[in-house]
Amino acid sequence: MKASNLTCLKWRSVLLLTALTAFSAVAQTVSGPPPRVAIINAQKAVADTQEIKKAQATLEAKYRPRQEAIATLQQQLQSIQQQMNAPNQTPEKEAQLRSDGTLKQKQLQRLSEDLQADVNAERQDILGRAGRQMAEAVKQLAESRGIDVVIDVTNTIYYKPALDITAEATAAYDKAYPAK
């Protein structure tokens, strides 16, 4: 065996011995019962809260008139398209229909984009606040039950259903933050 191979083997042995010693030291310092773990589907827990259900109904009512305006514009565009496909159109009538169709298409696009942006912004505000409040409710639930770690189901490959605290978290949230 060459000297360089022997030196490499010695270093590997030293590194392995060091790693084993460190692992042994860590294993000896960890004492007591194993940590208690719970699983939560955080997205479902938030979505099932009374506050979110009420907020969803409020958003739908608030933006219904704008959705109806969009539906009306879509119907008008369909009507224009049907008129354009009719036989024996005069060039003036066809030009007017094209102009009306272009104008309504722009209105439809603007209304749709504005509605989507407004809904998304409001929904993000609601979900952000609810997410922060859910984190606090889960923390309090975990502390009261002696749970050391709560893991979201999206990062979990397998768990026993008995570890799932999603419904309890939703109930704790509803109690701590009742829908107004």
Protein backbone atom coordinates (compact mmCIF):
# COMPACT_ATOMS: atom_id res chain seq x y z
CA MET A 1 0.00 0.00 0.00
CA LYS A 2 1.27 3.46 -0.87
CA ALA A 3 1.97 6.01 1.83
CA SER A 4 -0.68 8.41 0.47
CA ASN A 5 -3.35 5.68 0.61
CA LEU A 6 -2.30 4.82 4.16
CA THR A 7 -2.48 8.49 5.19
CA CYS A 8 -5.95 8.81 3.61
CA LEU A 9 -7.11 5.69 5.44
CA LYS A 10 -5.81 7.07 8.75
CA TRP A 11 -7.66 10.38 8.23
CA ARG A 12 -10.88 8.56 7.39
CA SER A 13 -10.53 6.51 10.54
CA VAL A 14 -9.93 9.64 12.61
CA LEU A 15 -12.95 11.38 11.08
CA LEU A 16 -15.15 8.33 11.65
CA LEU A 17 -14.01 8.05 15.26
CA THR A 18 -14.64 11.78 15.80
CA ALA A 19 -18.16 11.52 14.31
CA LEU A 20 -18.99 8.48 16.44
CA THR A 21 -17.73 10.22 19.57
CA ALA A 22 -19.83 13.32 18.81
CA PHE A 23 -22.92 11.20 18.11
CA SER A 24 -22.41 9.30 21.35
CA ALA A 25 -22.06 12.53 23.31
CA VAL A 26 -25.27 13.94 21.80
CA ALA A 27 -27.13 10.70 22.45
CA GLN A 28 -26.06 10.74 26.09
CA THR A 29 -27.14 14.37 26.64
CA VAL A 30 -30.64 13.77 25.27
CA SER A 31 -32.64 12.36 28.10
CA GLY A 32 -36.24 12.12 29.10
CA PRO A 33 -39.26 11.01 27.16
CA PRO A 34 -39.29 11.28 23.37
CA PRO A 35 -40.79 14.49 22.02
CA ARG A 36 -44.55 14.57 21.47
CA VAL A 37 -45.45 15.29 17.86
CA ALA A 38 -48.71 16.35 16.21
CA ILE A 39 -49.71 16.79 12.59
CA ILE A 40 -51.91 19.58 11.21
CA ASN A 41 -53.33 20.38 7.81
CA ALA A 42 -52.87 24.12 8.32
CA GLN A 43 -54.61 25.10 5.09
CA LYS A 44 -57.70 23.04 5.96
CA ALA A 45 -57.65 24.24 9.57
CA VAL A 46 -57.78 27.88 8.43
CA ALA A 47 -60.31 27.24 5.65
CA ASP A 48 -62.69 25.50 8.06
CA THR A 49 -62.81 28.38 10.56
CA GLN A 50 -66.04 30.30 11.01
CA GLU A 51 -64.19 33.55 10.33
CA ILE A 52 -62.99 32.39 6.90
CA LYS A 53 -66.40 30.99 5.98
CA LYS A 54 -68.00 34.32 6.88
CA ALA A 55 -65.29 36.27 5.03
CA GLN A 56 -65.87 34.12 1.93
CA ALA A 57 -69.60 34.87 1.99
CA THR A 58 -68.86 38.57 2.51
CA LEU A 59 -66.43 38.63 -0.43
CA GLU A 60 -68.93 36.89 -2.69
CA ALA A 61 -71.65 39.40 -1.79
CA LYS A 62 -69.31 42.37 -2.09
CA TYR A 63 -68.05 41.44 -5.56
CA ARG A 64 -71.28 39.95 -6.96
CA PRO A 65 -72.31 43.20 -8.75
CA ARG A 66 -68.98 43.33 -10.56
CA GLN A 67 -69.27 39.64 -11.50
CA GLU A 68 -72.75 40.32 -12.86
CA ALA A 69 -71.41 43.26 -14.90
CA ILE A 70 -68.78 40.94 -16.37
CA ALA A 71 -71.44 38.33 -17.20
CA THR A 72 -73.53 41.04 -18.91
CA LEU A 73 -70.56 42.16 -21.01
CA GLN A 74 -69.87 38.55 -21.99
CA GLN A 75 -73.49 38.16 -23.14
CA GLN A 76 -73.27 41.41 -25.11
CA LEU A 77 -70.09 40.19 -26.80
CA GLN A 78 -71.80 36.92 -27.75
CA SER A 79 -74.70 38.88 -29.20
CA ILE A 80 -72.33 41.03 -31.22
CA GLN A 81 -70.55 37.91 -32.50
CA GLN A 82 -73.88 36.37 -33.56
CA GLN A 83 -74.89 39.56 -35.36
CA MET A 84 -71.53 39.65 -37.15
CA ASN A 85 -72.05 36.06 -38.34
CA ALA A 86 -75.48 36.91 -39.77
CA PRO A 87 -75.63 37.00 -43.56
CA ASN A 88 -76.13 40.16 -45.63
CA GLN A 89 -74.50 42.66 -43.23
CA THR A 90 -73.91 46.10 -44.64
CA PRO A 91 -70.28 47.29 -44.41
CA GLU A 92 -71.34 50.11 -42.09
CA LYS A 93 -73.20 47.75 -39.74
CA GLU A 94 -70.28 45.30 -39.73
CA ALA A 95 -67.83 48.13 -38.93
CA GLN A 96 -70.09 49.35 -36.10
CA LEU A 97 -70.35 45.81 -34.68
CA ARG A 98 -66.55 45.38 -34.81
CA SER A 99 -66.06 48.72 -33.04
CA ASP A 100 -68.63 47.85 -30.37
CA GLY A 101 -67.09 44.40 -29.94
CA THR A 102 -63.58 45.82 -29.53
CA LEU A 103 -64.78 48.37 -26.99
CA LYS A 104 -66.71 45.78 -24.97
CA GLN A 105 -63.79 43.35 -25.10
CA LYS A 106 -61.50 46.02 -23.61
CA GLN A 107 -64.09 46.80 -20.93
CA LEU A 108 -64.45 43.11 -20.14
CA GLN A 109 -60.71 42.63 -19.84
CA ARG A 110 -60.29 45.68 -17.61
CA LEU A 111 -63.21 44.72 -15.35
CA SER A 112 -61.97 41.12 -15.08
CA GLU A 113 -58.41 42.14 -14.25
CA ASP A 114 -59.53 44.74 -11.70
CA LEU A 115 -61.92 42.29 -10.05
CA GLN A 116 -59.27 39.59 -9.86
CA ALA A 117 -56.71 41.98 -8.40
CA ASP A 118 -59.13 43.34 -5.81
CA VAL A 119 -60.33 39.88 -4.76
CA ASN A 120 -56.77 38.56 -4.56
CA ALA A 121 -55.58 41.51 -2.46
CA GLU A 122 -58.48 41.24 -0.02
CA ARG A 123 -58.20 37.45 0.17
CA GLN A 124 -54.46 37.69 0.89
CA ASP A 125 -55.12 40.16 3.72
CA ILE A 126 -57.75 37.89 5.24
CA LEU A 127 -55.66 34.72 4.87
CA GLY A 128 -52.52 36.41 6.19
CA ARG A 129 -54.29 37.56 9.34
CA ALA A 130 -56.02 34.20 9.76
CA GLY A 131 -52.72 32.37 9.25
CA ARG A 132 -51.04 34.38 11.99
CA GLN A 133 -53.97 33.84 14.32
CA MET A 134 -54.02 30.10 13.52
CA ALA A 135 -50.32 29.86 14.36
CA GLU A 136 -51.07 31.40 17.76
CA ALA A 137 -54.05 29.08 18.33
CA VAL A 138 -51.92 26.04 17.40
CA LYS A 139 -49.16 27.19 19.73
CA GLN A 140 -51.59 27.52 22.62
CA LEU A 141 -53.18 24.15 21.79
CA ALA A 142 -49.75 22.48 21.64
CA GLU A 143 -48.69 24.02 24.95
CA SER A 144 -51.91 22.97 26.68
CA ARG A 145 -51.57 19.38 25.41
CA GLY A 146 -47.83 19.09 26.03
CA ILE A 147 -47.00 18.78 22.33
CA ASP A 148 -43.37 19.56 21.49
CA VAL A 149 -43.58 19.75 17.69
CA VAL A 150 -46.44 20.42 15.25
CA ILE A 151 -45.72 19.50 11.63
CA ASP A 152 -47.81 20.51 8.62
CA VAL A 153 -49.22 17.56 6.68
CA THR A 154 -47.81 18.91 3.40
CA ASN A 155 -44.32 18.00 4.61
CA THR A 156 -45.27 14.60 5.97
CA ILE A 157 -45.07 11.32 4.15
CA TYR A 158 -46.82 9.19 6.76
CA TYR A 159 -48.46 9.72 10.13
CA LYS A 160 -50.95 7.98 12.32
CA PRO A 161 -54.36 9.64 12.16
CA ALA A 162 -54.37 9.94 15.96
CA LEU A 163 -51.61 12.58 15.62
CA ASP A 164 -53.81 14.89 13.51
CA ILE A 165 -54.97 17.99 15.43
CA THR A 166 -56.50 19.86 12.48
CA ALA A 167 -60.08 19.80 13.78
CA GLU A 168 -58.94 20.72 17.28
CA ALA A 169 -56.94 23.64 15.89
CA THR A 170 -59.97 24.91 13.98
CA ALA A 171 -62.10 24.66 17.13
CA ALA A 172 -59.43 26.46 19.17
CA TYR A 173 -59.23 29.21 16.54
CA ASP A 174 -63.01 29.65 16.47
CA LYS A 175 -63.03 29.93 20.27
CA ALA A 176 -60.12 32.41 20.38
CA TYR A 177 -61.20 34.45 17.35
CA PRO A 178 -65.00 34.23 16.92
CA ALA A 179 -66.40 35.40 13.59
CA LYS A 180 -67.78 38.93 13.87
